[in-house]
């Protein structure tokens, strides 16, 4: 059951990131828009990751933060494979190769994993009695 909750946390992060890119695309009309969208989402993913981790740990599971972060990132990448690329990237002229070779994708996955790891490490400290 703990893995299903971890996967659901990854789905929440993917929804947050996808919605952020969509909303920013609709709102911001600036030169080098992708750079600014990516920059803003890279900051916001920290909060999405912490929210997903907080949701997961509400059940007092003992999974490490690194393991949870990796599961969440893999879940989001899998959703990119089956939803984002075929329904967003390919109709806009992109491809699987261009999407998965983008450094932004891997930076977001890394930031997500590290955010969950650090948040768990910070919140897992034992308080003195």
C-alpha atoms as a PDB file:
ATOM      1  CA  UNK A   1       0.000   0.000   0.000  1.00  0.00           C
ATOM      2  CA  UNK A   2       2.874   2.346   0.703  1.00  0.00           C
ATOM      3  CA  UNK A   3       4.046   2.140  -2.917  1.00  0.00           C
ATOM      4  CA  UNK A   4       0.600   3.038  -4.226  1.00  0.00           C
ATOM      5  CA  UNK A   5       0.612   6.136  -2.026  1.00  0.00           C
ATOM      6  CA  UNK A   6       4.130   7.012  -3.256  1.00  0.00           C
ATOM      7  CA  UNK A   7       2.983   6.663  -6.873  1.00  0.00           C
ATOM      8  CA  UNK A   8      -0.044   8.842  -6.132  1.00  0.00           C
ATOM      9  CA  UNK A   9       2.306  11.474  -4.660  1.00  0.00           C
ATOM     10  CA  UNK A  10       4.219  11.387  -7.949  1.00  0.00           C
ATOM     11  CA  UNK A  11       0.965  11.846  -9.838  1.00  0.00           C
ATOM     12  CA  UNK A  12       0.236  14.930  -7.722  1.00  0.00           C
ATOM     13  CA  UNK A  13       3.644  16.391  -8.580  1.00  0.00           C
ATOM     14  CA  UNK A  14       3.151  15.651 -12.285  1.00  0.00           C
ATOM     15  CA  UNK A  15      -0.256  17.375 -12.213  1.00  0.00           C
ATOM     16  CA  UNK A  16       1.275  20.410 -10.502  1.00  0.00           C
ATOM     17  CA  UNK A  17       4.137  20.692 -12.980  1.00  0.00           C
ATOM     18  CA  UNK A  18       1.943  20.088 -16.037  1.00  0.00           C
ATOM     19  CA  UNK A  19      -0.648  22.600 -14.858  1.00  0.00           C
ATOM     20  CA  UNK A  20       2.092  25.149 -14.148  1.00  0.00           C
ATOM     21  CA  UNK A  21       3.567  24.880 -17.629  1.00  0.00           C
ATOM     22  CA  UNK A  22       0.088  25.113 -19.169  1.00  0.00           C
ATOM     23  CA  UNK A  23      -0.918  28.170 -17.130  1.00  0.00           C
ATOM     24  CA  UNK A  24       2.384  29.938 -17.710  1.00  0.00           C
ATOM     25  CA  UNK A  25       2.082  29.269 -21.429  1.00  0.00           C
ATOM     26  CA  UNK A  26      -1.328  30.943 -21.384  1.00  0.00           C
ATOM     27  CA  UNK A  27      -0.248  33.903 -19.248  1.00  0.00           C
ATOM     28  CA  UNK A  28       3.319  34.890 -20.049  1.00  0.00           C
ATOM     29  CA  UNK A  29       4.105  36.278 -23.467  1.00  0.00           C
ATOM     30  CA  UNK A  30       7.777  37.106 -23.238  1.00  0.00           C
ATOM     31  CA  UNK A  31      10.856  36.487 -25.339  1.00  0.00           C
ATOM     32  CA  UNK A  32      12.537  33.214 -24.333  1.00  0.00           C
ATOM     33  CA  UNK A  33       9.309  32.138 -22.673  1.00  0.00           C
ATOM     34  CA  UNK A  34      10.435  28.522 -22.252  1.00  0.00           C
ATOM     35  CA  UNK A  35      13.424  29.665 -20.201  1.00  0.00           C
ATOM     36  CA  UNK A  36      11.231  31.706 -17.864  1.00  0.00           C
ATOM     37  CA  UNK A  37       8.577  28.996 -17.635  1.00  0.00           C
ATOM     38  CA  UNK A  38      11.233  26.445 -16.775  1.00  0.00           C
ATOM     39  CA  UNK A  39      12.859  28.751 -14.244  1.00  0.00           C
ATOM     40  CA  UNK A  40       9.561  29.366 -12.443  1.00  0.00           C
ATOM     41  CA  UNK A  41       8.503  25.707 -12.500  1.00  0.00           C
ATOM     42  CA  UNK A  42      11.917  24.678 -11.154  1.00  0.00           C
ATOM     43  CA  UNK A  43      11.202  26.831  -8.110  1.00  0.00           C
ATOM     44  CA  UNK A  44       7.597  25.670  -7.791  1.00  0.00           C
ATOM     45  CA  UNK A  45       8.472  21.980  -8.057  1.00  0.00           C
ATOM     46  CA  UNK A  46      10.103  22.248  -4.641  1.00  0.00           C
ATOM     47  CA  UNK A  47       6.695  23.062  -3.181  1.00  0.00           C
ATOM     48  CA  UNK A  48       4.946  20.388  -5.256  1.00  0.00           C
ATOM     49  CA  UNK A  49       7.497  17.819  -4.057  1.00  0.00           C
ATOM     50  CA  UNK A  50       7.104  18.843  -0.425  1.00  0.00           C
ATOM     51  CA  UNK A  51       3.316  18.682  -0.778  1.00  0.00           C
ATOM     52  CA  UNK A  52       3.522  15.213  -2.308  1.00  0.00           C
ATOM     53  CA  UNK A  53       5.918  14.051   0.408  1.00  0.00           C
ATOM     54  CA  UNK A  54       3.732  15.495   3.161  1.00  0.00           C
ATOM     55  CA  UNK A  55       0.758  13.657   1.674  1.00  0.00           C
ATOM     56  CA  UNK A  56       2.741  10.406   1.600  1.00  0.00           C
ATOM     57  CA  UNK A  57       4.071  10.672   5.158  1.00  0.00           C
ATOM     58  CA  UNK A  58       0.646  11.483   6.643  1.00  0.00           C
ATOM     59  CA  UNK A  59       0.291   7.699   7.039  1.00  0.00           C
ATOM     60  CA  UNK A  60       3.588   7.505   9.012  1.00  0.00           C
ATOM     61  CA  UNK A  61       5.318   5.287   6.464  1.00  0.00           C
ATOM     62  CA  UNK A  62       9.040   4.812   7.041  1.00  0.00           C
ATOM     63  CA  UNK A  63      10.315   4.949   3.434  1.00  0.00           C
ATOM     64  CA  UNK A  64      13.450   7.047   3.001  1.00  0.00           C
ATOM     65  CA  UNK A  65      13.088  10.456   1.424  1.00  0.00           C
ATOM     66  CA  UNK A  66      15.468   9.538  -1.371  1.00  0.00           C
ATOM     67  CA  UNK A  67      13.493   6.417  -2.250  1.00  0.00           C
ATOM     68  CA  UNK A  68      10.214   8.352  -2.200  1.00  0.00           C
ATOM     69  CA  UNK A  69      11.699  11.133  -4.336  1.00  0.00           C
ATOM     70  CA  UNK A  70      12.918   8.626  -6.908  1.00  0.00           C
ATOM     71  CA  UNK A  71       9.526   6.872  -7.036  1.00  0.00           C
ATOM     72  CA  UNK A  72       7.767  10.223  -7.447  1.00  0.00           C
ATOM     73  CA  UNK A  73      10.127  11.284 -10.240  1.00  0.00           C
ATOM     74  CA  UNK A  74       9.826   7.954 -12.066  1.00  0.00           C
ATOM     75  CA  UNK A  75       6.043   8.176 -11.807  1.00  0.00           C
ATOM     76  CA  UNK A  76       6.073  11.673 -13.300  1.00  0.00           C
ATOM     77  CA  UNK A  77       8.406  10.535 -16.092  1.00  0.00           C
ATOM     78  CA  UNK A  78       6.133   7.587 -16.861  1.00  0.00           C
ATOM     79  CA  UNK A  79       3.148   9.948 -17.099  1.00  0.00           C
ATOM     80  CA  UNK A  80       5.211  12.100 -19.458  1.00  0.00           C
ATOM     81  CA  UNK A  81       5.743   9.033 -21.656  1.00  0.00           C
ATOM     82  CA  UNK A  82       2.068   8.080 -21.848  1.00  0.00           C
ATOM     83  CA  UNK A  83       0.353  11.496 -21.659  1.00  0.00           C
ATOM     84  CA  UNK A  84       2.557  14.581 -22.041  1.00  0.00           C
ATOM     85  CA  UNK A  85       4.576  13.614 -25.102  1.00  0.00           C
ATOM     86  CA  UNK A  86       1.809  12.054 -27.230  1.00  0.00           C
ATOM     87  CA  UNK A  87      -0.862  14.629 -26.395  1.00  0.00           C
ATOM     88  CA  UNK A  88       1.158  17.828 -25.932  1.00  0.00           C
ATOM     89  CA  UNK A  89       4.642  17.596 -27.424  1.00  0.00           C
ATOM     90  CA  UNK A  90       3.993  15.659 -30.638  1.00  0.00           C
ATOM     91  CA  UNK A  91       1.012  17.831 -31.721  1.00  0.00           C
ATOM     92  CA  UNK A  92       3.242  20.895 -31.149  1.00  0.00           C
ATOM     93  CA  UNK A  93       5.992  19.497 -33.370  1.00  0.00           C
ATOM     94  CA  UNK A  94       8.106  17.851 -30.680  1.00  0.00           C
ATOM     95  CA  UNK A  95       9.123  14.234 -30.284  1.00  0.00           C
ATOM     96  CA  UNK A  96      10.020  11.760 -27.584  1.00  0.00           C
ATOM     97  CA  UNK A  97      13.696  12.344 -28.351  1.00  0.00           C
ATOM     98  CA  UNK A  98      13.485  16.123 -28.064  1.00  0.00           C
ATOM     99  CA  UNK A  99      11.418  15.931 -24.874  1.00  0.00           C
ATOM    100  CA  UNK A 100      13.621  13.427 -23.060  1.00  0.00           C
ATOM    101  CA  UNK A 101      16.880  15.006 -24.209  1.00  0.00           C
ATOM    102  CA  UNK A 102      15.874  18.359 -22.707  1.00  0.00           C
ATOM    103  CA  UNK A 103      18.044  19.236 -19.701  1.00  0.00           C
ATOM    104  CA  UNK A 104      15.041  20.971 -18.120  1.00  0.00           C
ATOM    105  CA  UNK A 105      13.250  17.649 -17.674  1.00  0.00           C
ATOM    106  CA  UNK A 106      16.186  16.093 -15.865  1.00  0.00           C
ATOM    107  CA  UNK A 107      16.779  19.185 -13.753  1.00  0.00           C
ATOM    108  CA  UNK A 108      13.136  19.069 -12.655  1.00  0.00           C
ATOM    109  CA  UNK A 109      13.403  15.343 -11.818  1.00  0.00           C
ATOM    110  CA  UNK A 110      16.589  15.984  -9.844  1.00  0.00           C
ATOM    111  CA  UNK A 111      15.144  18.968  -7.960  1.00  0.00           C
ATOM    112  CA  UNK A 112      12.040  16.930  -7.131  1.00  0.00           C
ATOM    113  CA  UNK A 113      14.072  14.029  -5.740  1.00  0.00           C
ATOM    114  CA  UNK A 114      16.460  16.226  -3.761  1.00  0.00           C
ATOM    115  CA  UNK A 115      13.595  18.315  -2.369  1.00  0.00           C
ATOM    116  CA  UNK A 116      11.826  15.239  -1.021  1.00  0.00           C
ATOM    117  CA  UNK A 117      15.093  13.864   0.377  1.00  0.00           C
ATOM    118  CA  UNK A 118      16.022  17.101   2.162  1.00  0.00           C
ATOM    119  CA  UNK A 119      12.491  17.715   3.426  1.00  0.00           C
ATOM    120  CA  UNK A 120      12.334  14.204   4.881  1.00  0.00           C
ATOM    121  CA  UNK A 121      15.783  14.548   6.411  1.00  0.00           C
ATOM    122  CA  UNK A 122      14.807  17.855   8.016  1.00  0.00           C
ATOM    123  CA  UNK A 123      11.462  16.585   9.323  1.00  0.00           C
ATOM    124  CA  UNK A 124      12.716  13.196  10.466  1.00  0.00           C
ATOM    125  CA  UNK A 125      14.979  14.555  13.199  1.00  0.00           C
ATOM    126  CA  UNK A 126      14.234  13.264  16.658  1.00  0.00           C
ATOM    127  CA  UNK A 127      13.284  16.011  19.077  1.00  0.00           C
ATOM    128  CA  UNK A 128      15.026  15.924  22.462  1.00  0.00           C
ATOM    129  CA  UNK A 129      12.814  14.942  25.368  1.00  0.00           C
END
